[in-house]
Protein backbone atom coordinates (compact mmCIF):
# COMPACT_ATOMS: atom_id res chain seq x y z
CA MET A 1 0.25 -0.30 0.00
CA ALA A 2 1.18 2.93 -1.17
CA PRO A 3 2.07 5.90 2.03
CA PRO A 4 -0.04 8.80 1.53
CA ALA A 5 0.99 11.52 -0.41
CA ASN A 6 -0.96 13.76 -1.99
CA ASP A 7 1.04 16.07 -2.00
CA TRP A 8 4.09 14.46 -3.83
CA ASN A 9 5.56 13.48 -6.27
CA VAL A 10 8.68 12.25 -8.17
CA THR A 11 10.40 15.93 -8.19
CA THR A 12 9.04 17.37 -5.16
CA TRP A 13 12.62 16.87 -3.55
CA ARG A 14 14.17 19.35 -6.19
CA SER A 15 13.08 22.60 -4.17
CA ARG A 16 14.37 21.12 -0.57
CA GLU A 17 17.39 21.05 0.41
CA ILE A 18 19.59 18.15 -0.46
CA ALA A 19 22.25 16.68 2.02
CA GLN A 20 25.74 14.92 0.57
CA SER A 21 25.11 16.17 -3.53
CA PRO A 22 28.14 15.70 -5.64
CA THR A 23 28.73 19.36 -7.44
CA TRP A 24 27.99 18.62 -11.08
CA PRO A 25 29.96 20.73 -13.51
CA ASP A 26 27.33 20.91 -16.51
CA SER A 27 23.65 20.53 -15.31
CA GLU A 28 22.33 20.09 -19.22
CA HIS A 29 24.37 16.98 -19.28
CA LEU A 30 23.33 15.74 -15.38
CA GLY A 31 19.94 16.69 -17.72
CA ARG A 32 19.98 14.61 -20.84
CA VAL A 33 21.83 11.79 -19.09
CA GLU A 34 18.80 11.79 -16.40
CA GLY A 35 16.46 12.02 -19.65
CA GLU A 36 18.24 8.87 -20.97
CA LEU A 37 18.25 6.80 -17.94
CA ALA A 38 14.50 7.68 -17.78
CA SER A 39 13.70 5.77 -20.56
CA LYS A 40 15.64 2.68 -20.13
CA PRO A 41 13.70 -0.56 -18.47
CA PRO A 42 13.14 -0.55 -14.83
CA LEU A 43 15.95 -2.68 -12.76
CA VAL A 44 13.57 -4.31 -10.70
CA PHE A 45 9.76 -4.71 -10.60
CA ALA A 46 7.01 -3.46 -8.02
CA GLY A 47 5.87 -7.20 -7.72
CA GLU A 48 9.52 -7.76 -6.23
CA ALA A 49 9.67 -4.94 -3.94
CA ARG A 50 5.94 -5.51 -2.45
CA ARG A 51 7.10 -9.55 -1.77
CA LEU A 52 9.87 -8.39 0.13
CA GLN A 53 7.87 -6.04 2.11
CA GLY A 54 5.74 -8.97 2.92
CA HIS A 55 8.66 -10.60 4.19
CA LEU A 56 9.99 -7.85 6.17
CA ALA A 57 6.56 -7.49 7.97
CA LEU A 58 7.16 -11.11 9.41
CA VAL A 59 10.04 -9.85 10.00
CA SER A 60 8.67 -7.26 12.46
CA GLN A 61 6.51 -9.39 13.93
CA GLY A 62 9.52 -12.00 14.78
CA LYS A 63 8.56 -14.67 12.12
CA SER A 64 12.25 -14.01 9.96
CA PHE A 65 15.62 -12.66 10.24
CA LEU A 66 16.82 -10.07 7.27
CA LEU A 67 20.78 -10.89 6.56
CA GLN A 68 20.82 -7.73 4.97
CA ALA A 69 25.17 -7.68 2.89
CA GLY A 70 26.74 -6.50 0.68
CA ASP A 71 29.82 -3.82 0.13
CA CYS A 72 30.80 -1.29 1.17
CA ALA A 73 31.04 0.77 -2.08
CA GLU A 74 31.14 -1.37 -5.68
CA SER A 75 33.35 -0.75 -8.09
CA PHE A 76 33.42 -0.73 -11.89
CA ASN A 77 36.51 -2.54 -11.77
CA GLU A 78 34.54 -5.24 -9.78
CA GLY A 79 31.47 -6.60 -11.94
CA SER A 80 32.73 -10.54 -12.81
CA ALA A 81 30.58 -13.05 -12.57
CA ASP A 82 33.32 -15.12 -10.08
CA SER A 83 32.97 -11.58 -7.87
CA ILE A 84 29.64 -11.87 -8.23
CA ARG A 85 29.30 -14.98 -7.46
CA ASP A 86 31.32 -15.19 -4.29
CA LYS A 87 29.87 -12.59 -2.53
CA LEU A 88 26.52 -14.48 -3.70
CA LYS A 89 28.01 -17.61 -1.98
CA VAL A 90 28.77 -15.58 1.30
CA ILE A 91 25.80 -15.01 2.04
CA LEU A 92 23.84 -18.23 1.21
CA GLN A 93 26.55 -19.49 3.71
CA MET A 94 25.69 -16.95 6.01
CA ALA A 95 22.11 -17.53 5.63
CA VAL A 96 22.06 -21.51 5.75
CA ALA A 97 24.76 -21.11 9.54
CA LEU A 98 21.75 -18.49 10.55
CA THR A 99 18.85 -20.46 9.50
CA TYR A 100 20.09 -24.07 10.14
CA ALA A 101 21.12 -23.28 14.02
CA SER A 102 18.42 -20.85 14.82
CA GLY A 103 15.68 -22.58 12.98
CA VAL A 104 13.99 -18.92 11.66
CA PRO A 105 14.15 -18.24 7.33
CA VAL A 106 16.60 -15.58 6.45
CA ILE A 107 15.28 -12.49 4.54
CA LYS A 108 18.27 -12.50 2.25
CA VAL A 109 18.83 -8.64 0.67
CA GLY A 110 22.24 -7.66 -0.90
CA ARG A 111 24.16 -3.98 -0.68
CA ILE A 112 24.16 -5.03 -4.72
CA ALA A 113 23.58 -3.75 -8.09
CA GLY A 114 23.25 -0.30 -7.58
CA GLN A 115 25.41 0.28 -3.81
CA PHE A 116 27.79 2.46 -5.56
CA ALA A 117 27.17 6.11 -4.25
CA LYS A 118 29.21 6.82 -0.81
CA PRO A 119 28.88 9.76 1.61
CA ARG A 120 31.38 11.90 2.66
CA SER A 121 31.96 13.79 5.60
CA ASP A 122 34.12 16.50 3.84
CA GLU A 123 33.52 17.59 0.37
CA TYR A 124 36.45 18.08 -0.31
CA GLU A 125 40.27 15.96 0.40
CA GLU A 126 43.52 17.68 0.20
CA ARG A 127 46.79 15.98 -0.20
CA ASP A 128 50.16 18.26 -0.31
CA GLY A 129 47.97 21.97 -1.07
CA VAL A 130 46.17 20.37 -3.53
CA ARG A 131 42.73 20.73 -2.86
CA LEU A 132 40.07 18.09 -5.21
CA ASP A 133 36.21 16.91 -4.66
CA SER A 134 36.26 13.98 -2.03
CA PHE A 135 35.69 10.91 -4.02
CA ARG A 136 32.19 9.84 -3.55
CA GLY A 137 32.02 5.75 -5.13
CA HIS A 138 32.10 5.42 -8.44
CA ILE A 139 28.87 6.30 -9.99
CA VAL A 140 30.02 9.94 -9.65
CA ASN A 141 33.48 10.01 -9.72
CA ASP A 142 36.82 8.03 -9.30
CA GLU A 143 39.18 7.17 -6.44
CA ARG A 144 42.19 8.02 -8.35
CA PHE A 145 43.29 11.86 -6.85
CA ASP A 146 43.70 13.94 -10.09
CA ALA A 147 41.31 16.78 -11.27
CA GLU A 148 39.49 14.55 -13.51
CA SER A 149 39.29 11.44 -12.44
CA ARG A 150 38.14 13.63 -9.36
CA ARG A 151 35.61 15.65 -11.27
CA PRO A 152 32.23 14.59 -10.92
CA ASP A 153 30.51 12.72 -14.30
CA PRO A 154 26.82 12.00 -15.78
CA GLU A 155 27.90 9.59 -17.36
CA ARG A 156 28.50 7.59 -14.59
CA LEU A 157 25.24 7.42 -13.61
CA LEU A 158 24.74 5.54 -16.99
CA ALA A 159 27.30 3.11 -16.20
CA ALA A 160 26.02 2.78 -12.66
CA TYR A 161 22.61 1.67 -13.97
CA HIS A 162 24.59 -1.02 -17.02
CA GLN A 163 26.53 -2.68 -14.74
CA SER A 164 23.42 -3.43 -12.28
CA VAL A 165 21.46 -4.43 -14.84
CA ALA A 166 24.44 -6.88 -15.46
CA THR A 167 24.39 -8.32 -12.58
CA LEU A 168 21.38 -8.93 -11.78
CA ASN A 169 21.19 -10.83 -14.25
CA LEU A 170 23.87 -13.12 -12.97
CA LEU A 171 22.47 -12.72 -9.72
CA ARG A 172 18.57 -13.52 -11.16
CA ALA A 173 20.36 -16.84 -13.46
CA PHE A 174 22.36 -18.15 -10.02
CA THR A 175 19.35 -17.71 -7.79
CA THR A 176 16.73 -19.20 -9.65
CA GLY A 177 19.13 -21.23 -12.28
CA GLY A 178 20.22 -24.29 -9.83
CA PHE A 179 23.45 -23.04 -7.72
CA ALA A 180 21.34 -21.69 -5.14
CA ALA A 181 19.75 -25.49 -4.91
CA LEU A 182 19.74 -26.13 -1.22
CA SER A 183 21.73 -29.74 -2.58
CA ARG A 184 24.60 -27.68 -3.82
CA VAL A 185 25.44 -26.32 -0.05
CA HIS A 186 28.59 -27.96 -0.06
CA ALA A 187 29.46 -26.07 -3.45
CA TRP A 188 29.64 -22.53 -2.16
CA ASN A 189 32.22 -23.05 0.37
CA GLN A 190 35.13 -21.13 -0.89
CA GLU A 191 38.36 -23.24 -1.15
CA PHE A 192 40.08 -20.56 0.71
CA VAL A 193 37.00 -20.65 3.77
CA ALA A 194 36.88 -24.55 3.34
CA ASN A 195 39.98 -24.68 4.90
CA SER A 196 39.58 -22.16 8.28
CA LEU A 197 37.79 -23.89 11.08
CA GLU A 198 34.66 -21.87 10.30
CA GLY A 199 34.77 -23.44 6.90
CA LYS A 200 34.96 -27.32 8.80
CA ARG A 201 32.53 -26.10 10.75
CA TYR A 202 30.20 -25.05 7.98
CA GLU A 203 30.66 -28.57 6.06
CA VAL A 204 29.30 -30.22 9.50
CA ILE A 205 25.61 -28.60 8.73
CA ALA A 206 26.50 -29.02 4.52
CA ASP A 207 26.79 -32.65 5.28
CA ASP A 208 23.62 -32.60 7.55
CA ILE A 209 21.34 -30.82 5.74
CA GLU A 210 22.59 -33.18 2.47
CA ARG A 211 21.48 -36.39 5.03
CA ALA A 212 18.19 -34.44 5.43
CA LEU A 213 18.30 -34.43 2.30
CA HIS A 214 18.37 -38.13 1.27
CA PHE A 215 16.09 -39.25 3.53
CA MET A 216 13.04 -36.56 2.05
CA LYS A 217 13.98 -38.16 -1.25
CA ALA A 218 14.03 -41.42 0.46
CA CYS A 219 11.03 -40.78 2.11
CA GLY A 220 9.36 -40.53 -1.72
CA ILE A 221 9.30 -36.42 -1.30
CA ASP A 222 10.49 -34.83 -5.12
CA LEU A 223 13.25 -32.93 -3.96
CA HIS A 224 12.57 -30.54 -7.93
CA ASP A 225 9.34 -30.20 -7.35
CA ASP A 226 9.89 -27.58 -4.52
CA GLY A 227 10.82 -24.27 -5.15
CA ALA A 228 12.06 -23.74 -1.88
CA LEU A 229 14.85 -25.69 -1.80
CA GLN A 230 15.79 -25.10 -5.67
CA GLY A 231 16.42 -21.90 -5.60
CA VAL A 232 16.46 -18.45 -3.10
CA ASP A 233 14.55 -15.20 -3.12
CA PHE A 234 17.50 -12.63 -3.39
CA TYR A 235 17.05 -8.89 -3.18
CA THR A 236 18.78 -5.98 -3.88
CA SER A 237 19.00 -2.97 -2.05
CA HIS A 238 21.43 0.44 -2.12
CA GLU A 239 21.46 4.15 -0.19
CA ALA A 240 19.30 5.66 -1.76
CA LEU A 241 22.26 9.16 -2.01
CA ILE A 242 21.94 10.09 -5.91
CA LEU A 243 18.34 11.17 -6.14
CA PRO A 244 18.54 12.36 -10.02
CA TYR A 245 19.32 8.57 -10.77
CA GLU A 246 16.50 7.54 -8.12
CA GLN A 247 13.75 9.87 -9.85
CA ALA A 248 14.79 8.83 -12.90
CA LEU A 249 14.65 5.19 -12.11
CA THR A 250 11.20 5.54 -10.45
CA ARG A 251 7.84 4.35 -12.06
CA ARG A 252 4.02 4.41 -11.46
CA ASP A 253 2.82 0.93 -11.06
CA SER A 254 -0.05 -0.12 -13.81
CA LEU A 255 -1.76 -2.43 -11.32
CA THR A 256 -1.67 -0.32 -8.48
CA GLY A 257 -0.93 3.00 -9.14
CA ASP A 258 1.86 3.22 -6.59
CA TRP A 259 5.27 5.04 -7.37
CA TYR A 260 8.03 2.78 -6.91
CA ASP A 261 11.60 2.99 -7.42
CA CYS A 262 12.94 0.51 -9.85
CA SER A 263 16.25 1.26 -9.45
CA ALA A 264 16.11 -1.90 -6.34
CA HIS A 265 13.92 -3.46 -4.34
CA MET A 266 14.77 -1.95 -1.15
CA LEU A 267 16.18 1.84 -0.79
CA TRP A 268 17.52 3.12 2.55
CA ILE A 269 18.88 6.51 3.87
CA GLY A 270 21.48 7.32 5.13
CA ASP A 271 22.60 9.55 8.25
CA ARG A 272 23.44 11.91 6.74
CA THR A 273 21.01 12.69 4.87
CA ARG A 274 17.90 12.20 7.37
CA GLN A 275 16.96 15.17 7.82
CA LEU A 276 13.42 15.66 8.45
CA ASP A 277 13.03 18.78 5.65
CA GLY A 278 15.47 17.22 3.53
CA ALA A 279 15.55 16.28 0.14
CA HIS A 280 16.29 12.32 0.14
CA VAL A 281 13.24 12.05 2.95
CA GLU A 282 10.73 14.14 0.74
CA PHE A 283 11.80 11.78 -2.47
CA LEU A 284 11.75 7.90 -0.82
CA ARG A 285 8.30 9.10 1.33
CA GLY A 286 6.55 8.74 -1.59
CA VAL A 287 7.88 5.92 -3.28
CA SER A 288 6.20 2.52 -2.00
CA ASN A 289 9.11 0.42 -1.82
CA PRO A 290 10.74 -0.94 1.49
CA LEU A 291 12.31 1.63 3.00
CA GLY A 292 15.12 1.61 5.94
CA LEU A 293 16.84 4.41 7.54
CA LYS A 294 20.29 4.28 9.38
CA VAL A 295 19.79 5.52 12.94
CA GLY A 296 23.34 6.68 14.39
CA PRO A 297 24.74 8.25 17.82
CA SER A 298 22.50 11.62 16.90
CA LEU A 299 19.60 11.08 16.32
CA LYS A 300 16.64 12.00 19.20
CA SER A 301 14.00 9.94 20.03
CA ASP A 302 11.65 12.80 18.88
CA ASP A 303 13.22 13.28 15.75
CA LEU A 304 13.10 9.28 15.51
CA LEU A 305 9.66 9.25 16.17
CA ARG A 306 8.98 11.88 12.93
CA LEU A 307 10.92 10.07 10.60
CA VAL A 308 8.90 7.07 10.87
CA ASP A 309 5.28 8.57 10.92
CA VAL A 310 6.52 10.93 7.75
CA LEU A 311 8.19 7.16 6.32
CA ASN A 312 5.25 4.51 7.04
CA PRO A 313 1.84 7.41 8.36
CA GLU A 314 -0.05 4.28 7.77
CA ASN A 315 2.00 2.13 10.51
CA VAL A 316 2.60 -0.40 7.25
CA PRO A 317 4.74 -3.65 8.67
CA GLY A 318 7.06 -4.29 6.48
CA ARG A 319 7.48 -0.52 5.57
CA LEU A 320 9.93 0.61 7.38
CA THR A 321 13.99 -1.22 8.90
CA LEU A 322 15.70 0.56 11.26
CA ILE A 323 19.47 0.13 10.43
CA SER A 324 21.29 0.97 14.19
CA ARG A 325 24.40 2.44 13.67
CA LEU A 326 25.57 2.97 17.18
CA GLY A 327 29.13 1.81 17.76
CA ARG A 328 30.17 -1.28 20.79
CA ASP A 329 30.75 1.83 22.95
CA ARG A 330 27.63 3.72 22.88
CA ILE A 331 24.04 1.11 21.87
CA THR A 332 23.38 -0.09 25.71
CA GLU A 333 23.42 3.48 26.25
CA LEU A 334 21.42 5.19 23.33
CA LEU A 335 19.42 1.82 21.79
CA PRO A 336 17.29 1.57 24.54
CA PRO A 337 15.21 4.55 24.92
CA LEU A 338 14.85 4.06 20.85
CA VAL A 339 13.58 1.10 20.91
CA GLU A 340 11.34 1.49 23.64
CA MET A 341 9.42 4.72 22.65
CA LEU A 342 8.88 3.47 19.35
CA ARG A 343 7.30 -0.19 20.96
CA ASP A 344 5.22 2.00 23.73
CA GLU A 345 4.23 4.26 20.96
CA GLY A 346 2.84 1.16 18.68
CA ARG A 347 4.70 1.77 15.44
CA ASN A 348 5.78 -1.03 13.73
CA VAL A 349 9.41 -1.44 12.51
CA VAL A 350 11.91 -4.07 12.08
CA TRP A 351 15.50 -3.32 13.51
CA THR A 352 18.43 -4.63 12.33
CA CYS A 353 22.48 -3.99 13.94
CA ASP A 354 24.94 -2.62 11.38
CA PRO A 355 27.69 -3.29 13.54
CA MET A 356 30.70 -1.76 11.03
CA HIS A 357 30.04 2.26 10.77
CA GLY A 358 29.74 2.78 14.66
CA ASN A 359 33.61 0.76 14.94
CA THR A 360 35.69 2.45 12.27
CA PHE A 361 39.54 3.40 12.45
CA VAL A 362 42.43 4.11 11.53
CA ALA A 363 44.91 1.72 11.56
CA SER A 364 48.72 2.79 12.10
CA GLY A 365 49.63 1.99 9.02
CA GLY A 366 47.16 4.40 7.57
CA GLN A 367 44.31 1.90 6.39
CA LYS A 368 41.10 2.22 7.64
CA THR A 369 40.11 -0.55 9.29
CA ARG A 370 37.42 -3.01 11.72
CA ARG A 371 38.38 -4.47 14.93
CA PHE A 372 36.08 -8.04 14.20
CA ASP A 373 35.19 -8.29 18.36
CA ASP A 374 34.35 -4.41 18.36
CA ILE A 375 31.82 -5.42 15.96
CA LEU A 376 30.50 -8.82 17.72
CA SER A 377 30.32 -6.62 20.27
CA GLU A 378 28.21 -4.13 19.01
CA VAL A 379 25.77 -7.12 17.54
CA SER A 380 25.99 -8.76 20.95
CA GLN A 381 24.83 -5.48 22.58
CA PHE A 382 21.97 -4.96 20.60
CA PHE A 383 20.96 -8.45 20.71
CA ALA A 384 21.17 -8.08 24.80
CA VAL A 385 19.10 -4.60 24.51
CA HIS A 386 16.26 -6.52 22.96
CA GLN A 387 16.07 -9.20 24.94
CA SER A 388 15.74 -7.07 27.66
CA LEU A 389 13.22 -5.02 26.17
CA GLY A 390 10.65 -7.74 24.89
CA THR A 391 11.56 -6.88 21.13
CA TRP A 392 13.17 -8.34 17.96
CA PRO A 393 16.38 -8.21 17.12
CA GLY A 394 15.41 -8.34 13.53
CA GLY A 395 18.74 -8.19 11.74
CA LEU A 396 22.45 -7.87 10.61
CA HIS A 397 23.65 -5.24 8.44
CA VAL A 398 26.83 -6.55 7.28
CA GLU A 399 29.80 -4.64 4.41
CA LEU A 400 31.26 -8.39 3.20
CA THR A 401 32.39 -9.51 -0.47
CA GLY A 402 33.28 -13.09 -1.11
CA ASP A 403 37.52 -11.91 -1.88
CA ASN A 404 40.39 -13.43 1.35
CA VAL A 405 40.44 -9.69 1.61
CA THR A 406 42.74 -8.16 4.86
CA GLU A 407 41.09 -5.73 5.60
CA CYS A 408 39.86 -5.92 9.19
CA LEU A 409 41.55 -7.09 11.82
CA GLY A 410 40.62 -10.97 14.11
CA GLY A 411 37.66 -12.65 13.35
CA GLY A 412 38.92 -16.87 11.60
CA SER A 413 41.14 -14.89 9.45
CA ARG A 414 43.04 -13.94 12.48
CA LEU A 415 44.14 -11.19 10.76
CA LEU A 416 46.50 -8.25 12.46
CA GLU A 417 47.60 -4.51 11.53
CA GLY A 418 50.65 -5.87 9.76
CA ASP A 419 48.45 -8.23 7.63
CA LEU A 420 46.33 -5.12 6.11
CA ASP A 421 48.43 -4.31 2.58
CA THR A 422 48.87 -8.06 2.16
CA ASN A 423 44.75 -7.61 -0.12
CA TYR A 424 43.83 -4.18 1.11
CA THR A 425 41.51 -3.87 -2.10
CA SER A 426 38.26 -1.90 -0.47
CA ILE A 427 37.73 1.56 -2.55
CA CYS A 428 35.94 3.08 0.53
CA ASP A 429 35.13 1.20 4.14
CA PRO A 430 36.56 -1.94 5.12
CA ARG A 431 35.21 -5.02 3.96
CA LEU A 432 34.71 -8.47 5.92
CA ASN A 433 36.20 -11.17 3.83
CA ALA A 434 34.57 -14.73 3.62
CA THR A 435 35.45 -15.62 7.02
CA GLN A 436 34.71 -13.55 8.40
CA SER A 437 31.72 -13.18 7.68
CA LEU A 438 30.93 -16.72 7.57
CA ASP A 439 32.50 -16.53 11.69
CA MET A 440 29.69 -13.76 12.06
CA ALA A 441 26.81 -15.62 11.39
CA PHE A 442 27.85 -18.32 13.60
CA HIS A 443 27.93 -16.42 16.47
CA VAL A 444 24.72 -14.54 15.45
CA ALA A 445 23.41 -18.18 15.21
CA GLU A 446 24.28 -18.57 18.54
CA PHE A 447 22.66 -15.44 19.63
CA LEU A 448 19.35 -16.21 17.56
CA GLN A 449 19.46 -19.04 20.13
CA GLY A 450 20.43 -17.91 23.28
CA TYR A 451 16.90 -15.00 22.43
CA SER A 452 14.69 -17.84 21.41
CA ALA A 453 15.67 -19.78 25.04
CA ALA A 454 15.74 -16.84 26.70
CA ASN A 455 11.57 -15.71 25.70
CA GLY A 456 10.16 -19.10 24.56
CA ALA A 457 9.77 -20.49 20.76
CA ARG A 458 8.80 -17.98 18.26
CA SER A 459 5.20 -19.05 16.06
CA LEU A 460 6.66 -19.37 12.15
């Protein structure tokens, strides 16, 4: 159901202040690109977005768990089939570990096929007296530090669209064409992960699942006739940061008459662009996609309630996901009053935890990094808060890659600061590698088990 937005149309955001917007050097060029994008086919379809909202409604009721994962910022240089496949493998592995251990269905949403833009703390970057535009992701400019690379280029919006098309084609083929069939559970374990303790633990689960499938087949159950065993529902999401791109891909659904941003199934508003009277809130309040909202340390209870009511005025279950990113040192202080307030006000929201962004620091060698133990600590406290309040810890939101990178410290890879230079490939923020991601999934599965034991089994 669409939000009541009689005073809204796809352009009303243009009269509001636009936070985190690049300064496009040629507005006519940008306009031509917007027109070309508006003539392109949608990347996703309204019915798919409605299906995801139905799944998220179950999460809001404590009957499912949301796993939202993928790159911090996708790169135009890393769109190969192998890269996409390996990222999907990790997410499928994590979902299997979570489902197997907790018995809770897992909704899988990727930060993929559109996560090309990144907000910046500073508009400019200065090196050795040279001052240039900050790198804002490949949809805007390039990370190389020279004037031409850092100049915002509207043609990159088209490049982002075309790479998203290719990525989505592969994802749909992988998730419906047999690759994601549960009978292939062993094939998702990459060689460098399989040799780790986490990989071996995953293989035990895979063996159990394989035996269960053999048993079902022996009982006469046709496994090929069950769509849930032959593929998975997999959805896309990204931060709706570059609004000209988002507007150009917004379409009116022929079945319902509602407006959908067809660049992704789910869009979220970042902690830097959640101004109540700002352009991003104005634009997204009028589209009918499931929405996310990042909840950072500066967001007060009254402002959160106002944002919730603007973005989900009809209080529709599954419409709005709140993604807390508070940091391990402050989550126990800041999260409880927010959760308690919305609970007491009767607001239907999904609460998830982004334990990455509040726990970033610069290592002695100059690389941005995160400690696995800090990330895990924030997730653990997130579960503890919800357990104490009787609310559902609805999901996990993490930045990861399927590659064997060395960007975050500790975890299953046992990485130290001296290892960071070995394979640090992120163009923005540090990501968990495949082994660390699987390690995180096992810990979160244990948290889910502990929550169920403390609160009683939930009816699924």
